[in-house]
Amino acid sequence: MKTPKSITLFFIAASAVAALLVGCYTPSGGFNPGTGRGFVYISTPTRPVTVTLVDTRNQEAFFRLDIPAGEQLTFKFVEGSGTGSRIEPTKMLWAVWEAKTEFGSLNNQLICPPASCRRIDVTYRPAPEDPPADPTLIIPPDSAIPTTGPDSPAGGPQPPNRPKD
């Protein structure tokens, strides 16, 4: 049985609208950039980033994160969802992801001051900074690797029959 063309077009249009409404986190703001869409800060080995959120009423930092090289901090503020008091009426949802991740769940939260009383400070640490070691790239020791000679980790004399450069 064939589906009518109008139903197919409806589902395509509904999928496109859903894609625009779903959170897309990029440094440029995603498909529909604007206030409240979220913030993304990417840290690289040549530009390691530290993000600090400051309460401007008393100049105290209420959040600070040294983003590891090769990762990104993604966060957004949800106004009116905090404690309900006038002091901290906002909830910040945040997560640290691998760099250039655009979709995901912000699974950490923090109650914070309202928009009129907070400031985002971005600073850069001295570079270069190595990304965290990837444990999947570590080569385990192997007894088949020679422990002496020119191909060993300790090195050694070149064989006498080596061709000249």
C-alpha atoms as a PDB file:
ATOM      1  CA  MET A   1       0.000   0.000   0.000  1.00  0.00           C
ATOM      2  CA  LYS A   2       1.363   3.403  -0.954  1.00  0.00           C
ATOM      3  CA  THR A   3       1.191   6.326   1.435  1.00  0.00           C
ATOM      4  CA  PRO A   4      -0.308   9.485   0.029  1.00  0.00           C
ATOM      5  CA  LYS A   5       2.147  12.190  -0.930  1.00  0.00           C
ATOM      6  CA  SER A   6       0.551  14.725   1.447  1.00  0.00           C
ATOM      7  CA  ILE A   7       1.160  12.465   4.486  1.00  0.00           C
ATOM      8  CA  THR A   8       4.796  11.973   3.497  1.00  0.00           C
ATOM      9  CA  LEU A   9       5.291  15.730   3.095  1.00  0.00           C
ATOM     10  CA  PHE A  10       3.605  16.317   6.472  1.00  0.00           C
ATOM     11  CA  PHE A  11       6.043  13.967   8.221  1.00  0.00           C
ATOM     12  CA  ILE A  12       9.027  15.597   6.496  1.00  0.00           C
ATOM     13  CA  ALA A  13       7.832  19.058   7.557  1.00  0.00           C
ATOM     14  CA  ALA A  14       7.140  17.871  11.129  1.00  0.00           C
ATOM     15  CA  SER A  15      10.635  16.362  11.324  1.00  0.00           C
ATOM     16  CA  ALA A  16      12.198  19.635  10.144  1.00  0.00           C
ATOM     17  CA  VAL A  17      10.256  21.645  12.750  1.00  0.00           C
ATOM     18  CA  ALA A  18      11.251  19.182  15.486  1.00  0.00           C
ATOM     19  CA  ALA A  19      14.912  19.487  14.462  1.00  0.00           C
ATOM     20  CA  LEU A  20      14.705  23.270  14.818  1.00  0.00           C
ATOM     21  CA  LEU A  21      13.084  23.057  18.245  1.00  0.00           C
ATOM     22  CA  VAL A  22      15.531  20.494  19.669  1.00  0.00           C
ATOM     23  CA  GLY A  23      18.607  21.894  21.427  1.00  0.00           C
ATOM     24  CA  CYS A  24      21.507  22.314  19.056  1.00  0.00           C
ATOM     25  CA  TYR A  25      24.620  23.537  20.815  1.00  0.00           C
ATOM     26  CA  THR A  26      27.342  25.186  18.747  1.00  0.00           C
ATOM     27  CA  PRO A  27      29.567  28.217  19.367  1.00  0.00           C
ATOM     28  CA  SER A  28      27.572  30.097  16.724  1.00  0.00           C
ATOM     29  CA  GLY A  29      24.188  29.229  18.285  1.00  0.00           C
ATOM     30  CA  GLY A  30      22.963  26.414  16.009  1.00  0.00           C
ATOM     31  CA  PHE A  31      20.015  26.666  13.621  1.00  0.00           C
ATOM     32  CA  ASN A  32      18.159  29.337  15.556  1.00  0.00           C
ATOM     33  CA  PRO A  33      20.667  31.419  17.552  1.00  0.00           C
ATOM     34  CA  GLY A  34      19.311  33.719  20.207  1.00  0.00           C
ATOM     35  CA  THR A  35      19.198  34.478  23.870  1.00  0.00           C
ATOM     36  CA  GLY A  36      18.601  31.417  26.021  1.00  0.00           C
ATOM     37  CA  ARG A  37      19.738  28.904  23.410  1.00  0.00           C
ATOM     38  CA  GLY A  38      22.884  27.940  25.305  1.00  0.00           C
ATOM     39  CA  PHE A  39      26.566  28.704  25.450  1.00  0.00           C
ATOM     40  CA  VAL A  40      29.452  26.617  24.100  1.00  0.00           C
ATOM     41  CA  TYR A  41      33.135  27.133  24.888  1.00  0.00           C
ATOM     42  CA  ILE A  42      35.662  24.832  23.195  1.00  0.00           C
ATOM     43  CA  SER A  43      39.129  24.338  24.653  1.00  0.00           C
ATOM     44  CA  THR A  44      42.000  23.362  22.339  1.00  0.00           C
ATOM     45  CA  PRO A  45      45.651  22.516  23.024  1.00  0.00           C
ATOM     46  CA  THR A  46      46.702  25.914  21.644  1.00  0.00           C
ATOM     47  CA  ARG A  47      43.899  27.819  23.382  1.00  0.00           C
ATOM     48  CA  PRO A  48      42.913  26.199  26.693  1.00  0.00           C
ATOM     49  CA  VAL A  49      39.846  27.894  28.149  1.00  0.00           C
ATOM     50  CA  THR A  50      38.675  28.608  31.698  1.00  0.00           C
ATOM     51  CA  VAL A  51      35.064  29.752  32.205  1.00  0.00           C
ATOM     52  CA  THR A  52      34.053  31.535  35.403  1.00  0.00           C
ATOM     53  CA  LEU A  53      30.520  32.657  36.283  1.00  0.00           C
ATOM     54  CA  VAL A  54      30.428  35.603  38.679  1.00  0.00           C
ATOM     55  CA  ASP A  55      27.622  36.942  40.875  1.00  0.00           C
ATOM     56  CA  THR A  56      27.896  40.700  40.199  1.00  0.00           C
ATOM     57  CA  ARG A  57      26.121  41.608  43.449  1.00  0.00           C
ATOM     58  CA  ASN A  58      29.139  40.549  45.531  1.00  0.00           C
ATOM     59  CA  GLN A  59      31.757  39.792  42.818  1.00  0.00           C
ATOM     60  CA  GLU A  60      32.022  36.148  43.954  1.00  0.00           C
ATOM     61  CA  ALA A  61      32.551  33.326  41.482  1.00  0.00           C
ATOM     62  CA  PHE A  62      29.829  30.705  41.867  1.00  0.00           C
ATOM     63  CA  PHE A  63      31.089  28.432  39.042  1.00  0.00           C
ATOM     64  CA  ARG A  64      34.584  27.919  37.593  1.00  0.00           C
ATOM     65  CA  LEU A  65      35.798  25.242  35.213  1.00  0.00           C
ATOM     66  CA  ASP A  66      39.157  24.678  33.522  1.00  0.00           C
ATOM     67  CA  ILE A  67      37.939  22.978  30.356  1.00  0.00           C
ATOM     68  CA  PRO A  68      40.359  20.195  29.368  1.00  0.00           C
ATOM     69  CA  ALA A  69      41.954  20.534  25.924  1.00  0.00           C
ATOM     70  CA  GLY A  70      39.880  18.802  23.267  1.00  0.00           C
ATOM     71  CA  GLU A  71      36.610  19.195  25.180  1.00  0.00           C
ATOM     72  CA  GLN A  72      33.838  21.759  25.412  1.00  0.00           C
ATOM     73  CA  LEU A  73      31.687  23.240  28.140  1.00  0.00           C
ATOM     74  CA  THR A  74      28.040  23.551  27.136  1.00  0.00           C
ATOM     75  CA  PHE A  75      25.484  25.264  29.348  1.00  0.00           C
ATOM     76  CA  LYS A  76      22.214  27.132  29.301  1.00  0.00           C
ATOM     77  CA  PHE A  77      20.143  29.059  31.819  1.00  0.00           C
ATOM     78  CA  VAL A  78      16.501  28.279  32.547  1.00  0.00           C
ATOM     79  CA  GLU A  79      14.962  31.383  34.106  1.00  0.00           C
ATOM     80  CA  GLY A  80      12.403  30.910  36.859  1.00  0.00           C
ATOM     81  CA  SER A  81      13.301  27.292  37.584  1.00  0.00           C
ATOM     82  CA  GLY A  82      15.655  27.822  40.536  1.00  0.00           C
ATOM     83  CA  THR A  83      14.785  27.895  44.232  1.00  0.00           C
ATOM     84  CA  GLY A  84      11.889  30.276  43.708  1.00  0.00           C
ATOM     85  CA  SER A  85      13.486  32.999  45.797  1.00  0.00           C
ATOM     86  CA  ARG A  86      14.416  36.402  44.453  1.00  0.00           C
ATOM     87  CA  ILE A  87      18.083  35.707  45.235  1.00  0.00           C
ATOM     88  CA  GLU A  88      18.563  32.629  43.018  1.00  0.00           C
ATOM     89  CA  PRO A  89      15.621  32.240  40.605  1.00  0.00           C
ATOM     90  CA  THR A  90      17.560  30.541  37.788  1.00  0.00           C
ATOM     91  CA  LYS A  91      18.839  27.040  37.082  1.00  0.00           C
ATOM     92  CA  MET A  92      21.950  26.460  34.975  1.00  0.00           C
ATOM     93  CA  LEU A  93      22.105  23.157  33.104  1.00  0.00           C
ATOM     94  CA  TRP A  94      25.595  22.166  31.974  1.00  0.00           C
ATOM     95  CA  ALA A  95      27.837  19.357  30.699  1.00  0.00           C
ATOM     96  CA  VAL A  96      31.388  18.796  29.467  1.00  0.00           C
ATOM     97  CA  TRP A  97      31.497  16.992  26.141  1.00  0.00           C
ATOM     98  CA  GLU A  98      34.032  16.100  23.486  1.00  0.00           C
ATOM     99  CA  ALA A  99      34.810  19.139  21.312  1.00  0.00           C
ATOM    100  CA  LYS A 100      32.342  19.961  18.516  1.00  0.00           C
ATOM    101  CA  THR A 101      29.472  17.923  20.014  1.00  0.00           C
ATOM    102  CA  GLU A 102      26.201  19.592  19.008  1.00  0.00           C
ATOM    103  CA  PHE A 103      23.528  17.390  20.594  1.00  0.00           C
ATOM    104  CA  GLY A 104      23.285  15.841  24.021  1.00  0.00           C
ATOM    105  CA  SER A 105      21.804  15.952  27.480  1.00  0.00           C
ATOM    106  CA  LEU A 106      22.891  18.652  29.907  1.00  0.00           C
ATOM    107  CA  ASN A 107      22.942  16.362  32.934  1.00  0.00           C
ATOM    108  CA  ASN A 108      24.386  18.707  35.609  1.00  0.00           C
ATOM    109  CA  GLN A 109      22.523  21.569  37.249  1.00  0.00           C
ATOM    110  CA  LEU A 110      23.314  24.524  39.465  1.00  0.00           C
ATOM    111  CA  ILE A 111      21.069  27.158  41.059  1.00  0.00           C
ATOM    112  CA  CYS A 112      22.419  30.598  40.155  1.00  0.00           C
ATOM    113  CA  PRO A 113      21.620  34.328  40.221  1.00  0.00           C
ATOM    114  CA  PRO A 114      19.253  35.937  37.693  1.00  0.00           C
ATOM    115  CA  ALA A 115      20.539  37.204  34.343  1.00  0.00           C
ATOM    116  CA  SER A 116      20.852  40.786  35.600  1.00  0.00           C
ATOM    117  CA  CYS A 117      23.241  39.669  38.358  1.00  0.00           C
ATOM    118  CA  ARG A 118      25.632  37.276  36.624  1.00  0.00           C
ATOM    119  CA  ARG A 119      28.641  37.661  34.364  1.00  0.00           C
ATOM    120  CA  ILE A 120      30.526  35.128  32.243  1.00  0.00           C
ATOM    121  CA  ASP A 121      34.322  35.568  32.351  1.00  0.00           C
ATOM    122  CA  VAL A 122      36.374  33.643  29.796  1.00  0.00           C
ATOM    123  CA  THR A 123      40.135  33.412  30.295  1.00  0.00           C
ATOM    124  CA  TYR A 124      42.839  31.493  28.488  1.00  0.00           C
ATOM    125  CA  ARG A 125      45.479  29.401  30.238  1.00  0.00           C
ATOM    126  CA  PRO A 126      49.112  29.257  29.042  1.00  0.00           C
ATOM    127  CA  ALA A 127      49.477  27.191  25.889  1.00  0.00           C
ATOM    128  CA  PRO A 128      50.261  24.646  24.579  1.00  0.00           C
ATOM    129  CA  GLU A 129      48.352  22.256  26.790  1.00  0.00           C
ATOM    130  CA  ASP A 130      48.235  18.571  26.002  1.00  0.00           C
ATOM    131  CA  PRO A 131      44.830  16.920  25.800  1.00  0.00           C
ATOM    132  CA  PRO A 132      44.171  14.225  28.400  1.00  0.00           C
ATOM    133  CA  ALA A 133      45.841  10.912  27.580  1.00  0.00           C
ATOM    134  CA  ASP A 134      43.630   8.545  25.640  1.00  0.00           C
ATOM    135  CA  PRO A 135      43.895   5.151  27.387  1.00  0.00           C
ATOM    136  CA  THR A 136      42.979   3.331  24.174  1.00  0.00           C
ATOM    137  CA  LEU A 137      46.204   4.562  22.557  1.00  0.00           C
ATOM    138  CA  ILE A 138      48.570   3.207  25.216  1.00  0.00           C
ATOM    139  CA  ILE A 139      50.619   0.321  23.846  1.00  0.00           C
ATOM    140  CA  PRO A 140      50.998  -2.447  26.415  1.00  0.00           C
ATOM    141  CA  PRO A 141      54.444  -3.929  26.944  1.00  0.00           C
ATOM    142  CA  ASP A 142      55.038  -7.015  24.846  1.00  0.00           C
ATOM    143  CA  SER A 143      57.742  -9.604  25.384  1.00  0.00           C
ATOM    144  CA  ALA A 144      58.143 -10.056  21.601  1.00  0.00           C
ATOM    145  CA  ILE A 145      59.642  -6.549  21.291  1.00  0.00           C
ATOM    146  CA  PRO A 146      63.439  -6.793  21.324  1.00  0.00           C
ATOM    147  CA  THR A 147      65.028  -5.366  24.476  1.00  0.00           C
ATOM    148  CA  THR A 148      68.450  -4.775  22.914  1.00  0.00           C
ATOM    149  CA  GLY A 149      69.643  -3.638  19.525  1.00  0.00           C
ATOM    150  CA  PRO A 150      68.817  -0.715  17.219  1.00  0.00           C
ATOM    151  CA  ASP A 151      65.038  -1.346  17.249  1.00  0.00           C
ATOM    152  CA  SER A 152      64.707  -1.512  21.045  1.00  0.00           C
ATOM    153  CA  PRO A 153      63.542   1.369  23.255  1.00  0.00           C
ATOM    154  CA  ALA A 154      67.085   1.645  24.658  1.00  0.00           C
ATOM    155  CA  GLY A 155      68.624   1.805  21.182  1.00  0.00           C
ATOM    156  CA  GLY A 156      71.963   0.331  20.202  1.00  0.00           C
ATOM    157  CA  PRO A 157      74.542   0.219  17.424  1.00  0.00           C
ATOM    158  CA  GLN A 158      73.387  -0.012  13.844  1.00  0.00           C
ATOM    159  CA  PRO A 159      74.044  -3.299  12.055  1.00  0.00           C
ATOM    160  CA  PRO A 160      77.342  -3.322  10.116  1.00  0.00           C
ATOM    161  CA  ASN A 161      75.644  -4.212   6.800  1.00  0.00           C
ATOM    162  CA  ARG A 162      73.369  -1.129   6.891  1.00  0.00           C
ATOM    163  CA  PRO A 163      73.051   0.633   3.506  1.00  0.00           C
ATOM    164  CA  LYS A 164      74.517   4.127   3.345  1.00  0.00           C
ATOM    165  CA  ASP A 165      72.141   7.115   3.206  1.00  0.00           C
END
